[in-house]
N, C-alpha and C. Protein backbone atom coordinates (compact mmCIF):
# COMPACT_ATOMS: atom_id res chain seq x y z
N MET A 1 57.29 2.36 33.53
CA MET A 1 56.45 3.78 33.32
C MET A 1 56.38 4.39 34.49
N LYS A 2 55.87 3.28 35.41
CA LYS A 2 55.12 3.72 36.81
C LYS A 2 56.18 3.85 37.67
N ARG A 3 57.41 3.11 37.58
CA ARG A 3 58.57 3.82 38.46
C ARG A 3 59.13 4.79 37.99
N SER A 4 59.34 5.19 36.50
CA SER A 4 59.57 6.67 36.35
C SER A 4 58.71 7.80 36.66
N LEU A 5 57.81 7.38 36.71
CA LEU A 5 56.55 8.88 37.15
C LEU A 5 56.66 8.69 38.58
N MET A 6 56.85 7.76 39.36
CA MET A 6 56.97 7.69 40.84
C MET A 6 58.57 8.40 41.38
N LEU A 7 59.59 8.26 40.30
CA LEU A 7 60.52 9.24 40.59
C LEU A 7 60.43 10.57 40.36
N PHE A 8 60.09 10.64 39.06
CA PHE A 8 59.44 12.10 38.91
C PHE A 8 58.95 12.74 40.06
N LEU A 9 57.93 12.32 40.26
CA LEU A 9 56.93 12.77 41.68
C LEU A 9 57.79 12.93 43.05
N THR A 10 58.42 12.14 42.98
CA THR A 10 59.55 12.25 44.68
C THR A 10 60.42 13.13 44.54
N ALA A 11 61.26 13.19 43.13
CA ALA A 11 62.00 14.72 42.94
C ALA A 11 60.94 15.58 42.86
N LEU A 12 59.78 15.83 42.39
CA LEU A 12 59.27 17.38 42.65
C LEU A 12 58.93 17.58 43.85
N ALA A 13 58.30 16.44 44.87
CA ALA A 13 57.78 16.87 46.08
C ALA A 13 59.34 17.53 46.71
N GLY A 14 60.27 16.38 46.60
CA GLY A 14 61.66 16.96 47.15
C GLY A 14 61.95 18.50 46.97
N GLY A 15 62.05 19.07 45.79
CA GLY A 15 62.25 20.42 45.19
C GLY A 15 61.44 21.23 46.10
N CYS A 16 59.86 20.74 46.55
CA CYS A 16 59.23 21.83 46.85
C CYS A 16 59.50 21.89 48.56
N ALA A 17 59.86 20.72 48.97
CA ALA A 17 60.11 20.96 50.53
C ALA A 17 61.28 21.35 50.63
N ALA A 18 62.21 21.98 49.80
CA ALA A 18 63.83 22.48 49.63
C ALA A 18 63.45 23.98 50.14
N VAL A 19 62.32 24.84 49.64
CA VAL A 19 61.79 25.98 49.68
C VAL A 19 61.83 26.37 51.63
N PRO A 20 62.29 26.81 52.13
CA PRO A 20 61.98 27.65 53.75
C PRO A 20 60.72 27.79 53.60
N ALA A 21 59.96 27.53 54.86
CA ALA A 21 58.49 27.69 55.23
C ALA A 21 58.77 29.20 54.99
N THR A 22 59.41 30.34 55.85
CA THR A 22 59.74 31.36 55.64
C THR A 22 59.08 32.29 54.59
N GLU A 23 60.07 31.61 53.38
CA GLU A 23 59.27 32.21 52.17
C GLU A 23 58.25 31.89 51.33
N GLN A 24 57.35 31.02 51.89
CA GLN A 24 56.07 30.68 51.25
C GLN A 24 54.84 31.52 52.02
N ARG A 25 55.35 31.91 53.47
CA ARG A 25 54.19 33.08 54.15
C ARG A 25 53.91 34.11 53.31
N PRO A 26 52.80 34.72 52.99
CA PRO A 26 52.68 36.20 52.34
C PRO A 26 53.20 37.02 53.48
N ALA A 27 53.66 38.14 52.59
CA ALA A 27 54.18 39.61 53.34
C ALA A 27 53.04 39.64 53.84
N THR A 28 52.85 40.54 54.99
CA THR A 28 52.09 41.54 56.07
C THR A 28 52.70 42.81 56.30
N VAL A 29 51.84 43.95 55.99
CA VAL A 29 51.84 45.02 55.67
C VAL A 29 51.40 45.54 56.95
N SER A 30 52.02 46.39 57.72
CA SER A 30 51.22 47.35 59.18
C SER A 30 50.71 48.16 58.43
N ALA A 31 49.38 48.80 58.43
CA ALA A 31 49.03 50.42 58.31
C ALA A 31 49.47 51.33 59.30
N GLN A 32 50.53 52.19 58.66
CA GLN A 32 51.07 53.17 59.13
C GLN A 32 49.94 54.42 58.95
N PRO A 33 49.65 55.01 59.86
CA PRO A 33 49.03 56.66 59.58
C PRO A 33 49.73 57.32 58.51
N LEU A 34 49.13 57.82 57.88
CA LEU A 34 49.91 58.97 57.14
C LEU A 34 50.21 60.52 57.83
N THR A 35 51.59 60.66 57.75
CA THR A 35 51.63 61.98 58.34
C THR A 35 52.08 63.06 57.19
N MET A 36 51.53 64.29 57.67
CA MET A 36 51.92 65.07 56.30
C MET A 36 52.92 65.98 56.64
N LYS A 37 54.16 66.26 56.01
CA LYS A 37 55.46 66.84 56.28
C LYS A 37 54.78 68.51 56.31
N PRO A 38 55.66 69.26 56.62
CA PRO A 38 55.46 70.58 57.17
C PRO A 38 55.73 71.15 55.26
N GLY A 39 54.92 71.92 54.96
CA GLY A 39 55.18 72.27 53.59
C GLY A 39 54.01 71.89 52.63
N LEU A 40 53.79 70.39 52.70
CA LEU A 40 52.71 69.67 51.88
C LEU A 40 51.40 70.18 51.86
N GLU A 41 50.85 70.71 53.25
CA GLU A 41 49.72 70.75 53.21
C GLU A 41 49.15 72.09 52.53
N ARG A 42 50.15 72.61 51.85
CA ARG A 42 49.50 74.04 50.97
C ARG A 42 49.21 73.45 49.82
N VAL A 43 49.34 72.21 49.35
CA VAL A 43 49.16 71.76 48.17
C VAL A 43 48.01 70.02 48.29
N LEU A 44 48.53 69.37 48.92
CA LEU A 44 47.70 68.13 49.37
C LEU A 44 46.73 68.40 49.84
N GLY A 45 45.34 67.81 49.49
CA GLY A 45 44.01 68.20 49.71
C GLY A 45 43.31 69.42 48.70
N GLN A 46 44.20 70.31 48.18
CA GLN A 46 43.58 71.60 47.36
C GLN A 46 42.69 70.99 46.04
N ASN A 47 42.32 72.06 45.85
CA ASN A 47 41.66 71.67 43.96
C ASN A 47 42.05 72.66 43.26
N ALA A 48 42.12 72.45 42.04
CA ALA A 48 42.87 72.83 40.60
C ALA A 48 42.59 74.45 40.59
N ARG A 49 41.57 75.25 41.23
CA ARG A 49 41.73 76.54 41.57
C ARG A 49 42.49 76.99 42.97
N ALA A 50 42.62 76.29 43.87
CA ALA A 50 43.48 76.88 44.78
C ALA A 50 45.22 76.71 44.06
N LEU A 51 45.40 75.55 43.18
CA LEU A 51 46.64 75.71 42.83
C LEU A 51 47.26 76.67 42.29
N THR A 52 45.92 76.92 41.32
CA THR A 52 46.40 77.92 40.33
C THR A 52 46.36 79.11 41.03
N THR A 53 45.67 79.55 42.06
CA THR A 53 45.74 80.91 42.81
C THR A 53 47.42 80.68 43.70
N LEU A 54 48.06 79.51 43.86
CA LEU A 54 49.13 79.89 44.41
C LEU A 54 50.34 79.76 43.62
N PHE A 55 49.87 78.84 42.57
CA PHE A 55 51.36 78.86 41.62
C PHE A 55 51.28 79.63 40.19
N GLY A 56 50.05 80.15 39.78
CA GLY A 56 49.93 80.52 38.26
C GLY A 56 49.29 79.40 37.51
N GLN A 57 49.26 79.81 36.23
CA GLN A 57 48.65 78.68 34.96
C GLN A 57 49.69 77.73 35.08
N PRO A 58 49.33 76.35 35.17
CA PRO A 58 50.17 75.10 34.96
C PRO A 58 50.50 75.12 33.74
N ALA A 59 51.85 74.85 33.59
CA ALA A 59 52.38 74.54 32.40
C ALA A 59 51.82 73.36 31.51
N GLN A 60 51.25 72.42 32.14
CA GLN A 60 50.67 71.26 31.59
C GLN A 60 49.23 70.37 32.57
N ASP A 61 48.18 70.73 31.91
CA ASP A 61 47.08 70.28 32.44
C ASP A 61 46.54 69.04 31.91
N VAL A 62 46.53 67.78 32.31
CA VAL A 62 46.41 66.38 31.51
C VAL A 62 45.30 65.87 32.23
N ARG A 63 44.27 65.50 31.54
CA ARG A 63 43.06 64.97 32.21
C ARG A 63 42.85 63.67 31.64
N GLU A 64 42.57 62.52 32.23
CA GLU A 64 42.58 61.03 32.11
C GLU A 64 41.26 60.39 32.45
N ALA A 65 40.04 60.10 32.37
CA ALA A 65 38.91 59.70 33.48
C ALA A 65 38.79 60.20 34.05
N ASN A 66 39.09 59.64 35.42
CA ASN A 66 38.96 60.50 36.49
C ASN A 66 39.75 61.08 37.55
N ALA A 67 40.83 61.16 36.41
CA ALA A 67 42.22 61.73 36.82
C ALA A 67 42.63 62.99 36.30
N ARG A 68 43.48 63.97 37.17
CA ARG A 68 43.81 64.96 36.56
C ARG A 68 45.43 65.26 36.83
N LYS A 69 46.10 65.81 35.96
CA LYS A 69 47.50 66.14 36.44
C LYS A 69 47.82 67.45 35.94
N LEU A 70 48.11 68.46 36.90
CA LEU A 70 48.52 69.80 36.86
C LEU A 70 49.64 69.85 37.16
N GLN A 71 50.93 70.20 35.85
CA GLN A 71 52.48 70.37 36.54
C GLN A 71 52.70 72.12 36.18
N PHE A 72 53.51 72.29 36.97
CA PHE A 72 53.84 73.94 37.65
C PHE A 72 55.31 73.84 37.79
N GLY A 73 55.59 74.36 36.95
CA GLY A 73 57.25 74.59 36.75
C GLY A 73 58.18 76.10 37.14
N GLY A 74 59.26 76.06 37.22
CA GLY A 74 60.11 77.43 37.58
C GLY A 74 61.47 77.16 37.29
N GLY A 75 62.36 77.78 37.41
CA GLY A 75 63.73 78.19 37.15
C GLY A 75 64.29 76.97 37.82
N VAL A 76 63.62 76.53 39.21
CA VAL A 76 64.05 75.19 40.28
C VAL A 76 63.96 74.40 40.18
N CYS A 77 62.46 74.21 39.78
CA CYS A 77 61.98 72.76 40.10
C CYS A 77 60.79 72.54 38.84
N VAL A 78 60.21 71.32 39.06
CA VAL A 78 58.94 71.04 38.38
C VAL A 78 57.99 70.22 39.50
N LEU A 79 56.46 70.66 39.57
CA LEU A 79 55.76 69.78 40.25
C LEU A 79 54.93 69.35 39.77
N ASP A 80 54.64 68.04 39.77
CA ASP A 80 53.23 67.63 39.17
C ASP A 80 52.38 67.09 40.56
N ALA A 81 51.12 67.46 40.30
CA ALA A 81 50.05 67.82 41.18
C ALA A 81 49.21 66.50 40.26
N TYR A 82 48.57 65.28 41.41
CA TYR A 82 47.58 64.42 40.96
C TYR A 82 46.84 64.47 41.33
N LEU A 83 45.27 64.85 40.70
CA LEU A 83 44.02 65.37 41.46
C LEU A 83 43.10 63.85 41.21
N TYR A 84 42.44 63.76 42.14
CA TYR A 84 41.64 62.83 42.13
C TYR A 84 40.15 63.22 42.92
N ALA A 85 38.71 62.55 42.73
CA ALA A 85 37.72 63.08 43.31
C ALA A 85 37.56 61.75 44.07
N ALA A 86 37.05 62.13 45.32
CA ALA A 86 36.89 60.74 46.31
C ALA A 86 35.96 60.06 46.18
N ARG A 87 34.67 60.64 45.38
CA ARG A 87 33.37 60.34 44.93
C ARG A 87 33.17 60.75 43.78
N LYS A 88 32.35 59.98 43.15
CA LYS A 88 31.45 60.91 41.62
C LYS A 88 30.99 61.59 42.28
N GLY A 89 31.06 62.94 41.24
CA GLY A 89 30.24 64.28 41.24
C GLY A 89 31.05 65.27 42.29
N GLN A 90 32.07 64.28 43.13
CA GLN A 90 32.85 65.18 44.20
C GLN A 90 34.08 66.54 43.19
N GLU A 91 34.34 67.24 43.35
CA GLU A 91 35.26 67.84 42.81
C GLU A 91 36.95 67.20 43.23
N PRO A 92 37.34 67.26 42.21
CA PRO A 92 38.81 66.31 42.46
C PRO A 92 39.62 67.45 43.17
N VAL A 93 40.55 66.74 43.98
CA VAL A 93 41.66 67.28 44.79
C VAL A 93 43.19 66.45 45.06
N VAL A 94 44.04 67.63 45.22
CA VAL A 94 45.22 66.47 45.32
C VAL A 94 45.61 65.75 46.06
N THR A 95 46.13 64.31 45.60
CA THR A 95 46.20 63.40 46.73
C THR A 95 47.82 62.97 46.43
N HIS A 96 48.26 62.98 45.29
CA HIS A 96 50.03 62.88 45.33
C HIS A 96 50.34 64.37 44.61
N ILE A 97 51.92 64.31 45.11
CA ILE A 97 52.47 65.37 44.21
C ILE A 97 53.92 64.76 43.95
N ASP A 98 54.54 65.00 43.16
CA ASP A 98 56.07 64.70 42.81
C ASP A 98 56.96 65.71 42.29
N ALA A 99 58.10 66.17 42.67
CA ALA A 99 58.78 67.28 42.60
C ALA A 99 60.14 66.50 42.03
N ARG A 100 60.74 67.51 41.34
CA ARG A 100 62.12 67.40 40.36
C ARG A 100 62.81 68.60 40.13
N LEU A 101 63.97 68.35 40.10
CA LEU A 101 65.12 69.44 39.41
C LEU A 101 64.77 69.56 37.85
N PRO A 102 64.86 70.67 36.96
CA PRO A 102 64.60 70.22 35.50
C PRO A 102 65.44 69.48 35.02
N ASP A 103 66.60 68.86 35.63
CA ASP A 103 67.14 67.82 34.80
C ASP A 103 66.92 66.63 35.10
N GLY A 104 65.88 66.20 36.04
CA GLY A 104 65.13 64.99 36.49
C GLY A 104 65.45 64.69 37.70
N ARG A 105 66.45 65.11 38.50
CA ARG A 105 66.49 64.63 39.77
C ARG A 105 65.59 64.93 40.48
N ASP A 106 65.45 64.03 41.75
CA ASP A 106 64.80 64.50 42.74
C ASP A 106 64.75 65.70 43.67
N ILE A 107 63.80 66.31 44.05
CA ILE A 107 64.22 67.44 44.84
C ILE A 107 62.85 67.18 45.95
N ASP A 108 63.34 67.84 47.41
CA ASP A 108 62.22 68.06 48.13
C ASP A 108 61.15 68.61 47.79
N ARG A 109 59.96 67.88 47.74
CA ARG A 109 58.77 68.63 47.43
C ARG A 109 58.51 69.62 48.14
N ALA A 110 58.58 69.76 49.73
CA ALA A 110 57.89 70.98 50.25
C ALA A 110 58.98 72.22 50.00
N SER A 111 60.31 72.14 49.41
CA SER A 111 61.35 73.01 49.02
C SER A 111 60.69 73.32 47.55
N CYS A 112 60.37 72.71 46.76
CA CYS A 112 59.96 72.70 45.47
C CYS A 112 58.50 74.15 45.36
N ILE A 113 57.58 73.19 46.10
CA ILE A 113 56.36 74.04 46.58
C ILE A 113 56.88 75.54 47.16
N ALA A 114 57.86 75.68 48.13
CA ALA A 114 57.81 76.87 48.23
C ALA A 114 58.74 77.79 47.32
N SER A 115 59.56 77.16 46.72
CA SER A 115 60.05 78.20 45.45
C SER A 115 59.17 78.25 44.32
N LEU A 116 58.17 77.56 44.20
CA LEU A 116 57.14 78.10 43.20
C LEU A 116 56.26 78.79 43.72
N SER A 117 55.61 78.88 44.71
CA SER A 117 54.91 79.98 45.44
C SER A 117 55.70 81.41 45.48
N GLN A 118 56.73 81.18 45.91
CA GLN A 118 57.35 82.75 46.10
C GLN A 118 57.57 83.22 44.62
N ARG A 119 57.60 82.80 43.52
CA ARG A 119 57.70 83.62 42.04
C ARG A 119 56.39 84.04 41.93
N ARG A 120 55.65 84.03 42.43
CA ARG A 120 54.03 84.72 42.31
C ARG A 120 54.29 86.55 43.10
């Protein structure tokens, strides 16, 4: 019995040793400063009132806990703007945007913003 246990533990330890040390280290992530692509500043950091002024009434206005999603659409693209408050009691502002063509394929976000803002 002891011999079987020793063989099992030896085999187990040998299996662990087979994993290269480079795979055991945690990945490091370098903090890169976020740069804003031209055109996105018209939306990022804006509140819902500013978006409505720029694009008109949203096609969807979804609220959930401390988040809000406004969706604007036109013939060219669909833009989803995600608003969050930095602190409790502050007004939510856009922190992230997604853009896509009506068929679901990705489109450049700045191009979509330009297209939607021109229809007003």
